[in-house]
Amino acid sequence: MENDNILEIGINSNEGLYIKPTLLKFPYMYREAMEVHWDEKENYLYGPKPRKWSYLDWYKQIQAAAKEQSGNLLITKETGWVNIPESLKLEILEEFNGKNT
C-alpha cells in the first residue's frame, strides 16, 4: 500500500465529489467497477452526482477504490477544500480521524 497526501477534496462542476492525490495516479480505476473514475486532465478520482448515496458515502467509496489499487489517501493540514460545505468537511474529517486513530 502506497501512502499519498490528499492535495484537494471538492465537488466538481458535475456535482460529483472528487479527491485529488498529491502524487499517485489511477489511470486504470475503471477496472474496479465501483463507479469511481480517474480524470486524466484534472488528476483526481471522482464519483457521479449523488443519487441515493450521500457525499460522505462517495468519499468512502473513492477511498475504497483507491485502496483496491494500493493507494492510501491521507488528509493533511494542507489538504484544500473546494465547494465543500462545512458540515460535509466535518463529516469527512470525522470519518478520516476514526480510521486513522
PDB file of N, CA and C in Angstrom:
ATOM      1  N   MET A   1       0.858  -1.177   0.000  1.00  0.00           N
ATOM      2  CA  MET A   1       0.000   0.000   0.000  1.00  0.00           C
ATOM      3  C   MET A   1       0.900   1.234   0.000  1.00  0.00           C
ATOM      4  N   GLU A   2       0.634   2.139  -0.912  1.00  0.00           N
ATOM      5  CA  GLU A   2       1.418   3.359  -1.009  1.00  0.00           C
ATOM      6  C   GLU A   2       0.613   4.544  -0.469  1.00  0.00           C
ATOM      7  N   ASN A   3       1.178   5.235   0.518  1.00  0.00           N
ATOM      8  CA  ASN A   3       0.524   6.411   1.093  1.00  0.00           C
ATOM      9  C   ASN A   3       0.754   7.627   0.206  1.00  0.00           C
ATOM     10  N   ASP A   4      -0.252   8.473   0.140  1.00  0.00           N
ATOM     11  CA  ASP A   4      -0.127   9.752  -0.561  1.00  0.00           C
ATOM     12  C   ASP A   4      -1.043  10.752   0.136  1.00  0.00           C
ATOM     13  N   ASN A   5      -0.589  11.970   0.234  1.00  0.00           N
ATOM     14  CA  ASN A   5      -1.401  13.030   0.825  1.00  0.00           C
ATOM     15  C   ASN A   5      -2.442  13.501  -0.176  1.00  0.00           C
ATOM     16  N   ILE A   6      -3.583  13.904   0.344  1.00  0.00           N
ATOM     17  CA  ILE A   6      -4.637  14.459  -0.497  1.00  0.00           C
ATOM     18  C   ILE A   6      -4.372  15.948  -0.663  1.00  0.00           C
ATOM     19  N   LEU A   7      -4.219  16.363  -1.906  1.00  0.00           N
ATOM     20  CA  LEU A   7      -3.999  17.769  -2.220  1.00  0.00           C
ATOM     21  C   LEU A   7      -5.299  18.562  -2.051  1.00  0.00           C
ATOM     22  N   GLU A   8      -6.416  17.934  -2.487  1.00  0.00           N
ATOM     23  CA  GLU A   8      -7.683  18.663  -2.507  1.00  0.00           C
ATOM     24  C   GLU A   8      -8.859  17.692  -2.480  1.00  0.00           C
ATOM     25  N   ILE A   9      -9.907  18.086  -1.787  1.00  0.00           N
ATOM     26  CA  ILE A   9     -11.193  17.392  -1.807  1.00  0.00           C
ATOM     27  C   ILE A   9     -12.221  18.433  -2.232  1.00  0.00           C
ATOM     28  N   GLY A  10     -13.047  18.076  -3.198  1.00  0.00           N
ATOM     29  CA  GLY A  10     -14.004  19.069  -3.659  1.00  0.00           C
ATOM     30  C   GLY A  10     -15.224  18.467  -4.327  1.00  0.00           C
ATOM     31  N   ILE A  11     -16.095  19.355  -4.741  1.00  0.00           N
ATOM     32  CA  ILE A  11     -17.260  18.990  -5.535  1.00  0.00           C
ATOM     33  C   ILE A  11     -17.093  19.693  -6.877  1.00  0.00           C
ATOM     34  N   ASN A  12     -17.070  18.900  -7.952  1.00  0.00           N
ATOM     35  CA  ASN A  12     -16.793  19.459  -9.276  1.00  0.00           C
ATOM     36  C   ASN A  12     -18.046  20.073  -9.919  1.00  0.00           C
ATOM     37  N   SER A  13     -17.890  20.544 -11.149  1.00  0.00           N
ATOM     38  CA  SER A  13     -18.999  21.220 -11.833  1.00  0.00           C
ATOM     39  C   SER A  13     -20.157  20.278 -12.157  1.00  0.00           C
ATOM     40  N   ASN A  14     -19.907  18.967 -12.151  1.00  0.00           N
ATOM     41  CA  ASN A  14     -20.971  17.977 -12.362  1.00  0.00           C
ATOM     42  C   ASN A  14     -21.611  17.534 -11.049  1.00  0.00           C
ATOM     43  N   GLU A  15     -21.223  18.193  -9.956  1.00  0.00           N
ATOM     44  CA  GLU A  15     -21.741  17.933  -8.609  1.00  0.00           C
ATOM     45  C   GLU A  15     -21.275  16.594  -8.040  1.00  0.00           C
ATOM     46  N   GLY A  16     -20.195  16.050  -8.578  1.00  0.00           N
ATOM     47  CA  GLY A  16     -19.607  14.831  -8.037  1.00  0.00           C
ATOM     48  C   GLY A  16     -18.468  15.170  -7.091  1.00  0.00           C
ATOM     49  N   LEU A  17     -18.294  14.341  -6.080  1.00  0.00           N
ATOM     50  CA  LEU A  17     -17.198  14.525  -5.135  1.00  0.00           C
ATOM     51  C   LEU A  17     -15.906  14.038  -5.783  1.00  0.00           C
ATOM     52  N   TYR A  18     -14.811  14.759  -5.550  1.00  0.00           N
ATOM     53  CA  TYR A  18     -13.520  14.304  -6.054  1.00  0.00           C
ATOM     54  C   TYR A  18     -12.460  14.377  -4.965  1.00  0.00           C
ATOM     55  N   ILE A  19     -11.442  13.544  -5.134  1.00  0.00           N
ATOM     56  CA  ILE A  19     -10.269  13.534  -4.264  1.00  0.00           C
ATOM     57  C   ILE A  19      -9.051  13.612  -5.170  1.00  0.00           C
ATOM     58  N   LYS A  20      -8.223  14.613  -4.932  1.00  0.00           N
ATOM     59  CA  LYS A  20      -7.033  14.840  -5.763  1.00  0.00           C
ATOM     60  C   LYS A  20      -5.780  14.468  -4.969  1.00  0.00           C
ATOM     61  N   PRO A  21      -5.149  13.338  -5.327  1.00  0.00           N
ATOM     62  CA  PRO A  21      -3.916  12.950  -4.635  1.00  0.00           C
ATOM     63  C   PRO A  21      -2.766  13.885  -5.029  1.00  0.00           C
ATOM     64  N   THR A  22      -1.755  13.939  -4.189  1.00  0.00           N
ATOM     65  CA  THR A  22      -0.594  14.763  -4.491  1.00  0.00           C
ATOM     66  C   THR A  22       0.245  14.139  -5.605  1.00  0.00           C
ATOM     67  N   LEU A  23       0.554  12.853  -5.501  1.00  0.00           N
ATOM     68  CA  LEU A  23       1.449  12.197  -6.455  1.00  0.00           C
ATOM     69  C   LEU A  23       0.843  11.010  -7.203  1.00  0.00           C
ATOM     70  N   LEU A  24       0.064  10.193  -6.520  1.00  0.00           N
ATOM     71  CA  LEU A  24      -0.459   8.975  -7.134  1.00  0.00           C
ATOM     72  C   LEU A  24      -1.414   9.284  -8.274  1.00  0.00           C
ATOM     73  N   LYS A  25      -1.402   8.391  -9.252  1.00  0.00           N
ATOM     74  CA  LYS A  25      -2.324   8.480 -10.384  1.00  0.00           C
ATOM     75  C   LYS A  25      -3.025   7.131 -10.507  1.00  0.00           C
ATOM     76  N   PHE A  26      -4.259   7.154 -11.002  1.00  0.00           N
ATOM     77  CA  PHE A  26      -5.082   5.949 -11.076  1.00  0.00           C
ATOM     78  C   PHE A  26      -5.715   5.797 -12.464  1.00  0.00           C
ATOM     79  N   PRO A  27      -4.911   5.683 -13.517  1.00  0.00           N
ATOM     80  CA  PRO A  27      -5.477   5.621 -14.872  1.00  0.00           C
ATOM     81  C   PRO A  27      -6.313   4.376 -15.145  1.00  0.00           C
ATOM     82  N   TYR A  28      -6.170   3.342 -14.332  1.00  0.00           N
ATOM     83  CA  TYR A  28      -6.930   2.106 -14.556  1.00  0.00           C
ATOM     84  C   TYR A  28      -8.058   1.915 -13.548  1.00  0.00           C
ATOM     85  N   MET A  29      -8.510   2.999 -12.962  1.00  0.00           N
ATOM     86  CA  MET A  29      -9.560   2.926 -11.944  1.00  0.00           C
ATOM     87  C   MET A  29     -10.835   2.289 -12.485  1.00  0.00           C
ATOM     88  N   TYR A  30     -11.120   2.476 -13.746  1.00  0.00           N
ATOM     89  CA  TYR A  30     -12.335   1.908 -14.336  1.00  0.00           C
ATOM     90  C   TYR A  30     -12.404   0.392 -14.153  1.00  0.00           C
ATOM     91  N   ARG A  31     -11.274  -0.256 -14.002  1.00  0.00           N
ATOM     92  CA  ARG A  31     -11.237  -1.712 -13.841  1.00  0.00           C
ATOM     93  C   ARG A  31     -11.884  -2.183 -12.538  1.00  0.00           C
ATOM     94  N   GLU A  32     -12.004  -1.301 -11.573  1.00  0.00           N
ATOM     95  CA  GLU A  32     -12.572  -1.677 -10.272  1.00  0.00           C
ATOM     96  C   GLU A  32     -14.089  -1.780 -10.300  1.00  0.00           C
ATOM     97  N   ALA A  33     -14.730  -1.215 -11.309  1.00  0.00           N
ATOM     98  CA  ALA A  33     -16.190  -1.266 -11.454  1.00  0.00           C
ATOM     99  C   ALA A  33     -16.903  -0.821 -10.177  1.00  0.00           C
ATOM    100  N   MET A  34     -16.454   0.322  -9.623  1.00  0.00           N
ATOM    101  CA  MET A  34     -17.026   0.853  -8.382  1.00  0.00           C
ATOM    102  C   MET A  34     -17.686   2.213  -8.602  1.00  0.00           C
ATOM    103  N   GLU A  35     -17.896   2.596  -9.878  1.00  0.00           N
ATOM    104  CA  GLU A  35     -18.436   3.904 -10.253  1.00  0.00           C
ATOM    105  C   GLU A  35     -17.508   5.056  -9.874  1.00  0.00           C
ATOM    106  N   VAL A  36     -16.256   4.744  -9.622  1.00  0.00           N
ATOM    107  CA  VAL A  36     -15.246   5.765  -9.350  1.00  0.00           C
ATOM    108  C   VAL A  36     -14.372   5.870 -10.596  1.00  0.00           C
ATOM    109  N   HIS A  37     -14.068   7.093 -10.984  1.00  0.00           N
ATOM    110  CA  HIS A  37     -13.328   7.334 -12.226  1.00  0.00           C
ATOM    111  C   HIS A  37     -12.089   8.200 -11.953  1.00  0.00           C
ATOM    112  N   TRP A  38     -11.153   8.139 -12.894  1.00  0.00           N
ATOM    113  CA  TRP A  38      -9.952   8.959 -12.837  1.00  0.00           C
ATOM    114  C   TRP A  38     -10.040  10.005 -13.929  1.00  0.00           C
ATOM    115  N   ASP A  39      -9.933  11.284 -13.555  1.00  0.00           N
ATOM    116  CA  ASP A  39      -9.913  12.377 -14.524  1.00  0.00           C
ATOM    117  C   ASP A  39      -8.455  12.651 -14.869  1.00  0.00           C
ATOM    118  N   GLU A  40      -8.059  12.270 -16.072  1.00  0.00           N
ATOM    119  CA  GLU A  40      -6.668  12.386 -16.518  1.00  0.00           C
ATOM    120  C   GLU A  40      -6.212  13.846 -16.592  1.00  0.00           C
ATOM    121  N   LYS A  41      -7.113  14.726 -16.989  1.00  0.00           N
ATOM    122  CA  LYS A  41      -6.768  16.148 -17.136  1.00  0.00           C
ATOM    123  C   LYS A  41      -6.595  16.820 -15.766  1.00  0.00           C
ATOM    124  N   GLU A  42      -7.538  16.561 -14.858  1.00  0.00           N
ATOM    125  CA  GLU A  42      -7.515  17.204 -13.544  1.00  0.00           C
ATOM    126  C   GLU A  42      -6.712  16.420 -12.499  1.00  0.00           C
ATOM    127  N   ASN A  43      -6.362  15.176 -12.833  1.00  0.00           N
ATOM    128  CA  ASN A  43      -5.621  14.301 -11.910  1.00  0.00           C
ATOM    129  C   ASN A  43      -6.354  14.102 -10.592  1.00  0.00           C
ATOM    130  N   TYR A  44      -7.616  13.671 -10.698  1.00  0.00           N
ATOM    131  CA  TYR A  44      -8.354  13.343  -9.479  1.00  0.00           C
ATOM    132  C   TYR A  44      -9.298  12.164  -9.699  1.00  0.00           C
ATOM    133  N   LEU A  45      -9.605  11.511  -8.585  1.00  0.00           N
ATOM    134  CA  LEU A  45     -10.619  10.458  -8.552  1.00  0.00           C
ATOM    135  C   LEU A  45     -11.957  11.121  -8.277  1.00  0.00           C
ATOM    136  N   TYR A  46     -13.012  10.642  -8.915  1.00  0.00           N
ATOM    137  CA  TYR A  46     -14.315  11.263  -8.674  1.00  0.00           C
ATOM    138  C   TYR A  46     -15.442  10.256  -8.819  1.00  0.00           C
ATOM    139  N   GLY A  47     -16.551  10.590  -8.198  1.00  0.00           N
ATOM    140  CA  GLY A  47     -17.779   9.815  -8.315  1.00  0.00           C
ATOM    141  C   GLY A  47     -18.829  10.642  -9.025  1.00  0.00           C
ATOM    142  N   PRO A  48     -19.954  10.030  -9.354  1.00  0.00           N
ATOM    143  CA  PRO A  48     -21.035  10.770 -10.004  1.00  0.00           C
ATOM    144  C   PRO A  48     -21.775  11.676  -9.023  1.00  0.00           C
ATOM    145  N   LYS A  49     -22.633  12.499  -9.559  1.00  0.00           N
ATOM    146  CA  LYS A  49     -23.518  13.300  -8.709  1.00  0.00           C
ATOM    147  C   LYS A  49     -24.321  12.335  -7.839  1.00  0.00           C
ATOM    148  N   PRO A  50     -24.362  12.570  -6.538  1.00  0.00           N
ATOM    149  CA  PRO A  50     -25.079  11.650  -5.658  1.00  0.00           C
ATOM    150  C   PRO A  50     -26.557  11.517  -6.036  1.00  0.00           C
ATOM    151  N   ARG A  51     -27.004  10.268  -6.034  1.00  0.00           N
ATOM    152  CA  ARG A  51     -28.421   9.974  -6.245  1.00  0.00           C
ATOM    153  C   ARG A  51     -28.953   9.395  -4.937  1.00  0.00           C
ATOM    154  N   LYS A  52     -28.608   8.143  -4.666  1.00  0.00           N
ATOM    155  CA  LYS A  52     -29.049   7.506  -3.424  1.00  0.00           C
ATOM    156  C   LYS A  52     -28.023   7.685  -2.318  1.00  0.00           C
ATOM    157  N   TRP A  53     -26.767   7.785  -2.696  1.00  0.00           N
ATOM    158  CA  TRP A  53     -25.698   7.916  -1.707  1.00  0.00           C
ATOM    159  C   TRP A  53     -25.442   9.370  -1.371  1.00  0.00           C
ATOM    160  N   SER A  54     -24.920   9.597  -0.172  1.00  0.00           N
ATOM    161  CA  SER A  54     -24.520  10.947   0.239  1.00  0.00           C
ATOM    162  C   SER A  54     -23.100  11.222  -0.249  1.00  0.00           C
ATOM    163  N   TYR A  55     -22.676  12.459  -0.108  1.00  0.00           N
ATOM    164  CA  TYR A  55     -21.286  12.791  -0.438  1.00  0.00           C
ATOM    165  C   TYR A  55     -20.320  12.023   0.461  1.00  0.00           C
ATOM    166  N   LEU A  56     -20.687  11.833   1.713  1.00  0.00           N
ATOM    167  CA  LEU A  56     -19.825  11.067   2.609  1.00  0.00           C
ATOM    168  C   LEU A  56     -19.691   9.626   2.116  1.00  0.00           C
ATOM    169  N   ASP A  57     -20.777   9.036   1.644  1.00  0.00           N
ATOM    170  CA  ASP A  57     -20.717   7.689   1.077  1.00  0.00           C
ATOM    171  C   ASP A  57     -19.756   7.654  -0.118  1.00  0.00           C
ATOM    172  N   TRP A  58     -19.798   8.682  -0.953  1.00  0.00           N
ATOM    173  CA  TRP A  58     -18.900   8.729  -2.107  1.00  0.00           C
ATOM    174  C   TRP A  58     -17.456   8.929  -1.679  1.00  0.00           C
ATOM    175  N   TYR A  59     -17.244   9.693  -0.625  1.00  0.00           N
ATOM    176  CA  TYR A  59     -15.883   9.828  -0.090  1.00  0.00           C
ATOM    177  C   TYR A  59     -15.352   8.441   0.294  1.00  0.00           C
ATOM    178  N   LYS A  60     -16.159   7.672   1.009  1.00  0.00           N
ATOM    179  CA  LYS A  60     -15.753   6.330   1.432  1.00  0.00           C
ATOM    180  C   LYS A  60     -15.519   5.427   0.216  1.00  0.00           C
ATOM    181  N   GLN A  61     -16.379   5.526  -0.782  1.00  0.00           N
ATOM    182  CA  GLN A  61     -16.252   4.695  -1.981  1.00  0.00           C
ATOM    183  C   GLN A  61     -14.974   5.032  -2.751  1.00  0.00           C
ATOM    184  N   ILE A  62     -14.669   6.312  -2.879  1.00  0.00           N
ATOM    185  CA  ILE A  62     -13.450   6.715  -3.580  1.00  0.00           C
ATOM    186  C   ILE A  62     -12.222   6.218  -2.825  1.00  0.00           C
ATOM    187  N   GLN A  63     -12.251   6.341  -1.510  1.00  0.00           N
ATOM    188  CA  GLN A  63     -11.131   5.840  -0.699  1.00  0.00           C
ATOM    189  C   GLN A  63     -10.988   4.318  -0.863  1.00  0.00           C
ATOM    190  N   ALA A  64     -12.103   3.604  -0.857  1.00  0.00           N
ATOM    191  CA  ALA A  64     -12.070   2.142  -1.012  1.00  0.00           C
ATOM    192  C   ALA A  64     -11.519   1.763  -2.388  1.00  0.00           C
ATOM    193  N   ALA A  65     -11.920   2.489  -3.414  1.00  0.00           N
ATOM    194  CA  ALA A  65     -11.440   2.212  -4.764  1.00  0.00           C
ATOM    195  C   ALA A  65      -9.930   2.468  -4.864  1.00  0.00           C
ATOM    196  N   ALA A  66      -9.458   3.528  -4.241  1.00  0.00           N
ATOM    197  CA  ALA A  66      -8.005   3.816  -4.233  1.00  0.00           C
ATOM    198  C   ALA A  66      -7.259   2.677  -3.548  1.00  0.00           C
ATOM    199  N   LYS A  67      -7.803   2.185  -2.460  1.00  0.00           N
ATOM    200  CA  LYS A  67      -7.171   1.070  -1.739  1.00  0.00           C
ATOM    201  C   LYS A  67      -7.119  -0.192  -2.597  1.00  0.00           C
ATOM    202  N   GLU A  68      -8.137  -0.402  -3.424  1.00  0.00           N
ATOM    203  CA  GLU A  68      -8.143  -1.551  -4.338  1.00  0.00           C
ATOM    204  C   GLU A  68      -6.944  -1.496  -5.292  1.00  0.00           C
ATOM    205  N   GLN A  69      -6.454  -0.287  -5.538  1.00  0.00           N
ATOM    206  CA  GLN A  69      -5.292  -0.116  -6.413  1.00  0.00           C
ATOM    207  C   GLN A  69      -4.061   0.274  -5.603  1.00  0.00           C
ATOM    208  N   SER A  70      -4.053  -0.150  -4.350  1.00  0.00           N
ATOM    209  CA  SER A  70      -2.896   0.008  -3.441  1.00  0.00           C
ATOM    210  C   SER A  70      -2.555   1.455  -3.121  1.00  0.00           C
ATOM    211  N   GLY A  71      -3.555   2.317  -3.101  1.00  0.00           N
ATOM    212  CA  GLY A  71      -3.347   3.703  -2.722  1.00  0.00           C
ATOM    213  C   GLY A  71      -4.045   4.030  -1.413  1.00  0.00           C
ATOM    214  N   ASN A  72      -3.327   4.610  -0.495  1.00  0.00           N
ATOM    215  CA  ASN A  72      -3.893   5.046   0.779  1.00  0.00           C
ATOM    216  C   ASN A  72      -3.814   6.571   0.801  1.00  0.00           C
ATOM    217  N   LEU A  73      -4.958   7.222   0.668  1.00  0.00           N
ATOM    218  CA  LEU A  73      -5.004   8.683   0.531  1.00  0.00           C
ATOM    219  C   LEU A  73      -5.281   9.333   1.882  1.00  0.00           C
ATOM    220  N   LEU A  74      -4.389  10.244   2.264  1.00  0.00           N
ATOM    221  CA  LEU A  74      -4.410  10.829   3.607  1.00  0.00           C
ATOM    222  C   LEU A  74      -4.728  12.316   3.589  1.00  0.00           C
ATOM    223  N   ILE A  75      -5.637  12.715   4.468  1.00  0.00           N
ATOM    224  CA  ILE A  75      -5.936  14.128   4.665  1.00  0.00           C
ATOM    225  C   ILE A  75      -4.841  14.712   5.555  1.00  0.00           C
ATOM    226  N   THR A  76      -4.352  15.899   5.185  1.00  0.00           N
ATOM    227  CA  THR A  76      -3.350  16.601   5.993  1.00  0.00           C
ATOM    228  C   THR A  76      -3.853  18.013   6.285  1.00  0.00           C
ATOM    229  N   LYS A  77      -3.081  18.744   7.046  1.00  0.00           N
ATOM    230  CA  LYS A  77      -3.430  20.146   7.325  1.00  0.00           C
ATOM    231  C   LYS A  77      -3.390  20.984   6.057  1.00  0.00           C
ATOM    232  N   GLU A  78      -2.648  20.517   5.050  1.00  0.00           N
ATOM    233  CA  GLU A  78      -2.518  21.247   3.787  1.00  0.00           C
ATOM    234  C   GLU A  78      -3.612  20.891   2.776  1.00  0.00           C
ATOM    235  N   THR A  79      -4.425  19.890   3.065  1.00  0.00           N
ATOM    236  CA  THR A  79      -5.492  19.497   2.140  1.00  0.00           C
ATOM    237  C   THR A  79      -6.443  20.673   1.913  1.00  0.00           C
ATOM    238  N   GLY A  80      -6.694  20.972   0.643  1.00  0.00           N
ATOM    239  CA  GLY A  80      -7.619  22.046   0.289  1.00  0.00           C
ATOM    240  C   GLY A  80      -9.043  21.517   0.188  1.00  0.00           C
ATOM    241  N   TRP A  81      -9.995  22.373   0.462  1.00  0.00           N
ATOM    242  CA  TRP A  81     -11.421  22.018   0.415  1.00  0.00           C
ATOM    243  C   TRP A  81     -12.106  22.969  -0.564  1.00  0.00           C
ATOM    244  N   VAL A  82     -12.654  22.426  -1.655  1.00  0.00           N
ATOM    245  CA  VAL A  82     -13.239  23.247  -2.707  1.00  0.00           C
ATOM    246  C   VAL A  82     -14.730  22.927  -2.847  1.00  0.00           C
ATOM    247  N   ASN A  83     -15.564  23.921  -2.667  1.00  0.00           N
ATOM    248  CA  ASN A  83     -17.031  23.777  -2.782  1.00  0.00           C
ATOM    249  C   ASN A  83     -17.593  22.748  -1.806  1.00  0.00           C
ATOM    250  N   ILE A  84     -16.942  22.551  -0.683  1.00  0.00           N
ATOM    251  CA  ILE A  84     -17.374  21.588   0.324  1.00  0.00           C
ATOM    252  C   ILE A  84     -18.035  22.350   1.473  1.00  0.00           C
ATOM    253  N   PRO A  85     -19.311  22.094   1.754  1.00  0.00           N
ATOM    254  CA  PRO A  85     -19.948  22.732   2.904  1.00  0.00           C
ATOM    255  C   PRO A  85     -19.229  22.326   4.201  1.00  0.00           C
ATOM    256  N   GLU A  86     -19.226  23.213   5.159  1.00  0.00           N
ATOM    257  CA  GLU A  86     -18.535  22.957   6.432  1.00  0.00           C
ATOM    258  C   GLU A  86     -19.043  21.675   7.096  1.00  0.00           C
ATOM    259  N   SER A  87     -20.352  21.414   7.008  1.00  0.00           N
ATOM    260  CA  SER A  87     -20.903  20.212   7.633  1.00  0.00           C
ATOM    261  C   SER A  87     -20.332  18.942   6.990  1.00  0.00           C
ATOM    262  N   LEU A  88     -20.168  18.941   5.678  1.00  0.00           N
ATOM    263  CA  LEU A  88     -19.588  17.783   4.986  1.00  0.00           C
ATOM    264  C   LEU A  88     -18.103  17.646   5.326  1.00  0.00           C
ATOM    265  N   LYS A  89     -17.405  18.761   5.390  1.00  0.00           N
ATOM    266  CA  LYS A  89     -15.986  18.729   5.767  1.00  0.00           C
ATOM    267  C   LYS A  89     -15.834  18.066   7.141  1.00  0.00           C
ATOM    268  N   LEU A  90     -16.672  18.447   8.086  1.00  0.00           N
ATOM    269  CA  LEU A  90     -16.607  17.865   9.428  1.00  0.00           C
ATOM    270  C   LEU A  90     -16.912  16.370   9.402  1.00  0.00           C
ATOM    271  N   GLU A  91     -17.891  15.954   8.589  1.00  0.00           N
ATOM    272  CA  GLU A  91     -18.214  14.527   8.459  1.00  0.00           C
ATOM    273  C   GLU A  91     -17.023  13.750   7.893  1.00  0.00           C
ATOM    274  N   ILE A  92     -16.393  14.301   6.860  1.00  0.00           N
ATOM    275  CA  ILE A  92     -15.240  13.633   6.239  1.00  0.00           C
ATOM    276  C   ILE A  92     -14.082  13.552   7.222  1.00  0.00           C
ATOM    277  N   LEU A  93     -13.827  14.642   7.933  1.00  0.00           N
ATOM    278  CA  LEU A  93     -12.734  14.638   8.913  1.00  0.00           C
ATOM    279  C   LEU A  93     -13.000  13.642  10.036  1.00  0.00           C
ATOM    280  N   GLU A  94     -14.258  13.552  10.453  1.00  0.00           N
ATOM    281  CA  GLU A  94     -14.618  12.594  11.500  1.00  0.00           C
ATOM    282  C   GLU A  94     -14.392  11.159  11.002  1.00  0.00           C
ATOM    283  N   GLU A  95     -14.794  10.892   9.768  1.00  0.00           N
ATOM    284  CA  GLU A  95     -14.574   9.569   9.159  1.00  0.00           C
ATOM    285  C   GLU A  95     -13.084   9.276   9.060  1.00  0.00           C
ATOM    286  N   PHE A  96     -12.325  10.242   8.574  1.00  0.00           N
ATOM    287  CA  PHE A  96     -10.883  10.065   8.417  1.00  0.00           C
ATOM    288  C   PHE A  96     -10.209   9.838   9.764  1.00  0.00           C
ATOM    289  N   ASN A  97     -10.549  10.644  10.746  1.00  0.00           N
ATOM    290  CA  ASN A  97      -9.930  10.509  12.074  1.00  0.00           C
ATOM    291  C   ASN A  97     -10.315   9.209  12.744  1.00  0.00           C
ATOM    292  N   GLY A  98     -11.523   8.734  12.496  1.00  0.00           N
ATOM    293  CA  GLY A  98     -11.954   7.462  13.046  1.00  0.00           C
ATOM    294  C   GLY A  98     -11.162   6.288  12.483  1.00  0.00           C
ATOM    295  N   LYS A  99     -10.751   6.408  11.236  1.00  0.00           N
ATOM    296  CA  LYS A  99      -9.981   5.343  10.575  1.00  0.00           C
ATOM    297  C   LYS A  99      -8.489   5.453  10.871  1.00  0.00           C
ATOM    298  N   ASN A 100      -8.042   6.621  11.315  1.00  0.00           N
ATOM    299  CA  ASN A 100      -6.612   6.860  11.466  1.00  0.00           C
ATOM    300  C   ASN A 100      -6.211   7.208  12.898  1.00  0.00           C
ATOM    301  N   THR A 101      -6.899   6.652  13.865  1.00  0.00           N
ATOM    302  CA  THR A 101      -6.505   6.900  15.259  1.00  0.00           C
ATOM    303  C   THR A 101      -5.917   5.657  15.874  1.00  0.00           C
TER     304      THR A 101
END
